C-alpha atoms as a PDB file:
ATOM      1  CA  MET A   1     -36.020 -17.982 -41.494  1.00  0.00           C
ATOM      2  CA  ARG A   2     -39.798 -18.089 -41.514  1.00  0.00           C
ATOM      3  CA  GLY A   3     -39.895 -21.265 -39.395  1.00  0.00           C
ATOM      4  CA  LYS A   4     -37.923 -19.583 -36.647  1.00  0.00           C
ATOM      5  CA  TYR A   5     -40.517 -16.828 -36.218  1.00  0.00           C
ATOM      6  CA  PHE A   6     -43.428 -19.279 -36.361  1.00  0.00           C
ATOM      7  CA  LYS A   7     -41.932 -21.213 -33.442  1.00  0.00           C
ATOM      8  CA  LYS A   8     -41.546 -18.037 -31.381  1.00  0.00           C
ATOM      9  CA  ILE A   9     -45.057 -16.783 -32.190  1.00  0.00           C
ATOM     10  CA  GLY A  10     -46.553 -20.222 -31.548  1.00  0.00           C
ATOM     11  CA  GLY A  11     -44.794 -20.462 -28.193  1.00  0.00           C
ATOM     12  CA  PHE A  12     -45.990 -17.002 -27.244  1.00  0.00           C
ATOM     13  CA  ILE A  13     -49.607 -17.868 -28.128  1.00  0.00           C
ATOM     14  CA  LEU A  14     -49.374 -21.152 -26.200  1.00  0.00           C
ATOM     15  CA  ALA A  15     -47.992 -19.346 -23.138  1.00  0.00           C
ATOM     16  CA  ALA A  16     -50.785 -16.740 -23.320  1.00  0.00           C
ATOM     17  CA  LEU A  17     -53.452 -19.443 -23.496  1.00  0.00           C
ATOM     18  CA  MET A  18     -51.964 -21.310 -20.555  1.00  0.00           C
ATOM     19  CA  LEU A  19     -51.819 -18.167 -18.412  1.00  0.00           C
ATOM     20  CA  SER A  20     -55.416 -17.239 -19.240  1.00  0.00           C
ATOM     21  CA  GLY A  21     -56.495 -20.824 -18.429  1.00  0.00           C
ATOM     22  CA  ILE A  22     -54.730 -20.717 -15.074  1.00  0.00           C
ATOM     23  CA  ALA A  23     -56.350 -17.354 -14.292  1.00  0.00           C
ATOM     24  CA  PHE A  24     -59.753 -18.741 -15.270  1.00  0.00           C
ATOM     25  CA  VAL A  25     -59.392 -21.851 -13.111  1.00  0.00           C
ATOM     26  CA  SER A  26     -57.936 -20.026 -10.123  1.00  0.00           C
ATOM     27  CA  ALA A  27     -60.945 -17.684  -9.965  1.00  0.00           C
ATOM     28  CA  ASN A  28     -63.137 -20.661  -9.022  1.00  0.00           C
ATOM     29  CA  THR A  29     -60.914 -21.791  -6.179  1.00  0.00           C
ATOM     30  CA  ALA A  30     -62.151 -18.901  -4.032  1.00  0.00           C
ATOM     31  CA  GLU A  31     -65.708 -20.174  -4.476  1.00  0.00           C
ATOM     32  CA  ALA A  32     -64.619 -23.680  -3.554  1.00  0.00           C
ATOM     33  CA  GLN A  33     -63.755 -22.498  -0.059  1.00  0.00           C
ATOM     34  CA  VAL A  34     -67.402 -21.644   0.699  1.00  0.00           C
ATOM     35  CA  ARG A  35     -69.012 -24.189   2.979  1.00  0.00           C
ATOM     36  CA  ARG A  36     -71.457 -26.427   1.141  1.00  0.00           C
ATOM     37  CA  ARG A  37     -74.525 -27.976   2.664  1.00  0.00           C
ATOM     38  CA  VAL A  38     -74.946 -31.658   2.024  1.00  0.00           C
ATOM     39  CA  ILE A  39     -78.348 -33.156   2.709  1.00  0.00           C
ATOM     40  CA  VAL A  40     -78.240 -36.841   3.522  1.00  0.00           C
ATOM     41  CA  ARG A  41     -81.568 -38.628   3.324  1.00  0.00           C
ATOM     42  CA  PRO A  42     -81.789 -41.960   5.101  1.00  0.00           C
ATOM     43  CA  TYR A  43     -84.322 -43.334   2.605  1.00  0.00           C
ATOM     44  CA  PRO A  44     -84.343 -42.637  -1.109  1.00  0.00           C
ATOM     45  CA  TYR A  45     -87.397 -41.074  -2.676  1.00  0.00           C
ATOM     46  CA  ARG A  46     -87.956 -44.050  -4.901  1.00  0.00           C
ATOM     47  CA  ILE A  47     -87.782 -47.566  -3.599  1.00  0.00           C
ATOM     48  CA  TYR A  48     -86.591 -50.001  -6.197  1.00  0.00           C
ATOM     49  CA  ARG A  49     -87.810 -53.486  -5.478  1.00  0.00           C
ATOM     50  CA  ARG A  50     -86.487 -56.543  -7.160  1.00  0.00           C
ATOM     51  CA  PHE A  51     -89.011 -58.718  -8.928  1.00  0.00           C
ATOM     52  CA  ASP A  52     -88.715 -62.431  -9.522  1.00  0.00           C
ATOM     53  CA  VAL A  53     -88.936 -64.085 -12.937  1.00  0.00           C
ATOM     54  CA  PHE A  54     -92.751 -64.064 -12.767  1.00  0.00           C
ATOM     55  CA  GLY A  55     -92.936 -60.315 -12.053  1.00  0.00           C
ATOM     56  CA  TYR A  56     -93.639 -60.431  -8.305  1.00  0.00           C
ATOM     57  CA  ASP A  57     -91.597 -58.872  -5.509  1.00  0.00           C
ATOM     58  CA  ARG A  58     -90.481 -60.724  -2.398  1.00  0.00           C
ATOM     59  CA  TRP A  59     -93.802 -60.012  -0.670  1.00  0.00           C
ATOM     60  CA  GLY A  60     -95.784 -61.547  -3.529  1.00  0.00           C
ATOM     61  CA  TYR A  61     -97.117 -58.392  -5.216  1.00  0.00           C
ATOM     62  CA  ASP A  62     -96.662 -57.283  -8.811  1.00  0.00           C
ATOM     63  CA  ARG A  63     -95.619 -53.811  -9.993  1.00  0.00           C
ATOM     64  CA  TRP A  64     -99.131 -52.401  -9.563  1.00  0.00           C
ATOM     65  CA  GLY A  65     -99.605 -53.720  -6.017  1.00  0.00           C
ATOM     66  CA  PHE A  66    -101.709 -56.840  -6.708  1.00  0.00           C
ATOM     67  CA  ASP A  67    -100.947 -60.406  -5.715  1.00  0.00           C
ATOM     68  CA  ARG A  68    -101.249 -63.480  -7.923  1.00  0.00           C
ATOM     69  CA  PHE A  69    -104.996 -63.737  -7.278  1.00  0.00           C
ATOM     70  CA  GLY A  70    -105.946 -60.136  -8.097  1.00  0.00           C
ATOM     71  CA  ARG A  71    -106.135 -58.877  -4.504  1.00  0.00           C
ATOM     72  CA  ASP A  72    -104.496 -55.657  -3.386  1.00  0.00           C
ATOM     73  CA  ARG A  73    -102.375 -55.305  -0.257  1.00  0.00           C
ATOM     74  CA  TRP A  74    -105.444 -55.082   1.983  1.00  0.00           C
ATOM     75  CA  GLY A  75    -107.107 -58.205   0.584  1.00  0.00           C
ATOM     76  CA  ASN A  76    -109.707 -56.438  -1.571  1.00  0.00           C
ATOM     77  CA  ARG A  77    -110.371 -57.998  -4.958  1.00  0.00           C
ATOM     78  CA  ARG A  78    -109.725 -55.071  -7.284  1.00  0.00           C
ATOM     79  CA  TYR A  79    -109.249 -56.688 -10.647  1.00  0.00           C
ATOM     80  CA  ASP A  80    -109.574 -60.069 -12.230  1.00  0.00           C
ATOM     81  CA  PRO A  81    -106.387 -60.937 -14.116  1.00  0.00           C
ATOM     82  CA  TRP A  82    -108.210 -63.583 -16.176  1.00  0.00           C
ATOM     83  CA  SER A  83    -111.135 -61.394 -17.227  1.00  0.00           C
ATOM     84  CA  PRO A  84    -110.907 -59.427 -20.486  1.00  0.00           C
ATOM     85  CA  TYR A  85    -112.643 -56.478 -18.772  1.00  0.00           C
ATOM     86  CA  GLY A  86    -110.719 -56.560 -15.480  1.00  0.00           C
ATOM     87  CA  SER A  87    -112.852 -56.099 -12.406  1.00  0.00           C
ATOM     88  CA  ALA A  88    -115.082 -53.334 -13.752  1.00  0.00           C
ATOM     89  CA  TYR A  89    -117.789 -55.781 -14.878  1.00  0.00           C
ATOM     90  CA  ARG A  90    -117.038 -58.656 -12.515  1.00  0.00           C
ATOM     91  CA  GLN A  91    -120.202 -57.896 -10.527  1.00  0.00           C
ATOM     92  CA  TYR A  92    -122.329 -58.980 -13.504  1.00  0.00           C
ATOM     93  CA  VAL A  93    -120.931 -62.514 -13.742  1.00  0.00           C
ATOM     94  CA  PHE A  94    -123.102 -65.031 -11.886  1.00  0.00           C
ATOM     95  CA  SER A  95    -123.073 -68.759 -11.306  1.00  0.00           C
ATOM     96  CA  ASN A  96    -126.823 -69.160 -11.929  1.00  0.00           C
ATOM     97  CA  SER A  97    -129.853 -67.127 -12.967  1.00  0.00           C
ATOM     98  CA  GLU A  98    -131.310 -66.982  -9.446  1.00  0.00           C
ATOM     99  CA  SER A  99    -128.301 -65.116  -8.074  1.00  0.00           C
ATOM    100  CA  ALA A 100    -128.481 -62.772 -11.101  1.00  0.00           C
ATOM    101  CA  VAL A 101    -132.141 -61.945 -10.366  1.00  0.00           C
ATOM    102  CA  ASN A 102    -131.439 -61.401  -6.648  1.00  0.00           C
ATOM    103  CA  SER A 103    -128.461 -59.143  -7.299  1.00  0.00           C
ATOM    104  CA  GLY A 104    -130.396 -57.191  -9.933  1.00  0.00           C
ATOM    105  CA  TYR A 105    -133.332 -56.786  -7.567  1.00  0.00           C
ATOM    106  CA  LYS A 106    -131.086 -55.454  -4.743  1.00  0.00           C
ATOM    107  CA  GLN A 107    -129.332 -52.959  -6.995  1.00  0.00           C
ATOM    108  CA  GLY A 108    -132.614 -51.925  -8.612  1.00  0.00           C
ATOM    109  CA  PHE A 109    -134.335 -51.436  -5.277  1.00  0.00           C
ATOM    110  CA  LYS A 110    -131.496 -49.270  -3.978  1.00  0.00           C
ATOM    111  CA  THR A 111    -131.301 -47.196  -7.167  1.00  0.00           C
ATOM    112  CA  GLY A 112    -135.093 -46.834  -7.423  1.00  0.00           C
ATOM    113  CA  LYS A 113    -135.375 -45.785  -3.788  1.00  0.00           C
ATOM    114  CA  ASP A 114    -132.707 -43.097  -4.270  1.00  0.00           C
ATOM    115  CA  ASP A 115    -134.386 -41.849  -7.456  1.00  0.00           C
ATOM    116  CA  GLY A 116    -137.789 -41.782  -5.727  1.00  0.00           C
ATOM    117  CA  LYS A 117    -136.415 -39.773  -2.815  1.00  0.00           C
ATOM    118  CA  LYS A 118    -134.834 -37.252  -5.182  1.00  0.00           C
ATOM    119  CA  ALA A 119    -138.028 -37.004  -7.271  1.00  0.00           C
ATOM    120  CA  LYS A 120    -136.269 -38.076 -10.454  1.00  0.00           C
ATOM    121  CA  SER A 121    -138.267 -39.469 -13.343  1.00  0.00           C
ATOM    122  CA  PHE A 122    -139.028 -43.198 -13.380  1.00  0.00           C
ATOM    123  CA  SER A 123    -136.412 -44.669 -15.698  1.00  0.00           C
ATOM    124  CA  PRO A 124    -134.544 -47.859 -14.802  1.00  0.00           C
ATOM    125  CA  GLN A 125    -132.705 -47.703 -18.156  1.00  0.00           C
ATOM    126  CA  ARG A 126    -130.897 -44.559 -16.965  1.00  0.00           C
ATOM    127  CA  SER A 127    -128.895 -46.498 -14.375  1.00  0.00           C
ATOM    128  CA  HIS A 128    -125.407 -47.748 -15.176  1.00  0.00           C
ATOM    129  CA  TYR A 129    -126.276 -51.062 -13.524  1.00  0.00           C
ATOM    130  CA  TYR A 130    -128.924 -51.617 -16.166  1.00  0.00           C
ATOM    131  CA  LYS A 131    -126.687 -50.483 -19.044  1.00  0.00           C
ATOM    132  CA  GLU A 132    -123.607 -52.480 -18.051  1.00  0.00           C
ATOM    133  CA  ALA A 133    -125.425 -55.740 -17.300  1.00  0.00           C
ATOM    134  CA  GLY A 134    -124.883 -56.810 -20.920  1.00  0.00           C
ATOM    135  CA  PHE A 135    -121.239 -57.594 -20.137  1.00  0.00           C
ATOM    136  CA  GLY A 136    -122.223 -60.439 -17.794  1.00  0.00           C
ATOM    137  CA  ASN A 137    -123.477 -63.928 -18.529  1.00  0.00           C
ATOM    138  CA  PHE A 138    -127.111 -63.475 -17.327  1.00  0.00           C
ATOM    139  CA  GLY A 139    -127.700 -59.943 -18.631  1.00  0.00           C
ATOM    140  CA  GLU A 140    -131.408 -60.200 -19.465  1.00  0.00           C
ATOM    141  CA  VAL A 141    -132.245 -62.007 -16.234  1.00  0.00           C
ATOM    142  CA  TYR A 142    -130.308 -59.398 -14.248  1.00  0.00           C
ATOM    143  CA  ARG A 143    -132.154 -56.588 -16.048  1.00  0.00           C
ATOM    144  CA  SER A 144    -135.574 -58.104 -15.336  1.00  0.00           C
ATOM    145  CA  GLY A 145    -134.718 -58.356 -11.611  1.00  0.00           C
ATOM    146  CA  PHE A 146    -133.318 -54.831 -11.707  1.00  0.00           C
ATOM    147  CA  SER A 147    -136.505 -53.451 -13.300  1.00  0.00           C
ATOM    148  CA  ARG A 148    -138.716 -55.176 -10.729  1.00  0.00           C
ATOM    149  CA  GLY A 149    -136.542 -53.945  -7.842  1.00  0.00           C
ATOM    150  CA  TYR A 150    -136.371 -50.428  -9.306  1.00  0.00           C
ATOM    151  CA  GLN A 151    -140.159 -50.255  -9.536  1.00  0.00           C
ATOM    152  CA  GLU A 152    -140.676 -51.293  -5.925  1.00  0.00           C
ATOM    153  CA  GLY A 153    -137.787 -49.126  -4.670  1.00  0.00           C
ATOM    154  CA  TYR A 154    -139.120 -46.106  -6.559  1.00  0.00           C
ATOM    155  CA  ARG A 155    -142.523 -46.572  -4.942  1.00  0.00           C
ATOM    156  CA  VAL A 156    -140.953 -46.823  -1.463  1.00  0.00           C
ATOM    157  CA  GLY A 157    -138.715 -43.776  -2.090  1.00  0.00           C
ATOM    158  CA  SER A 158    -141.654 -41.686  -3.345  1.00  0.00           C
ATOM    159  CA  ASN A 159    -143.668 -42.580  -0.242  1.00  0.00           C
ATOM    160  CA  GLU A 160    -140.749 -41.645   2.039  1.00  0.00           C
ATOM    161  CA  ARG A 161    -140.410 -38.322   0.286  1.00  0.00           C
ATOM    162  CA  ALA A 162    -144.129 -37.611   0.582  1.00  0.00           C
ATOM    163  CA  SER A 163    -144.310 -38.357   4.306  1.00  0.00           C
END
């Protein structure tokens, strides 16, 4: 006798749930009739390029935009893939001591001239060229050329400021 009532009550509950579900779903159909705007973009925001087994795309550039020789897309040498410091200290690596002295002199002259024009104190050790020269292979030679160039450039800059 009890099973007969459970079947009737269960059927009634099931019917009530189905009717409420239909009412819930049918309320959204009115919203579905509103016109939707679809924006079609011809190009995706992100371009996914395929890379070969060595990590280069079909144009010969890696993920960061450099080719196999460390040049960017415009041919500028931005980093040295074989250097432990990258390209930040590549300017302090020289083939001989004469080129180190000449480069140090040019940088020192330019820095000293700017410091002389701005009436800064005479201090070649303040420059980052002088500080970072230790990462190269002719650091002391570069620094001696830098000091000599800084001294002469500072004198020229002071005279330009005075006149």
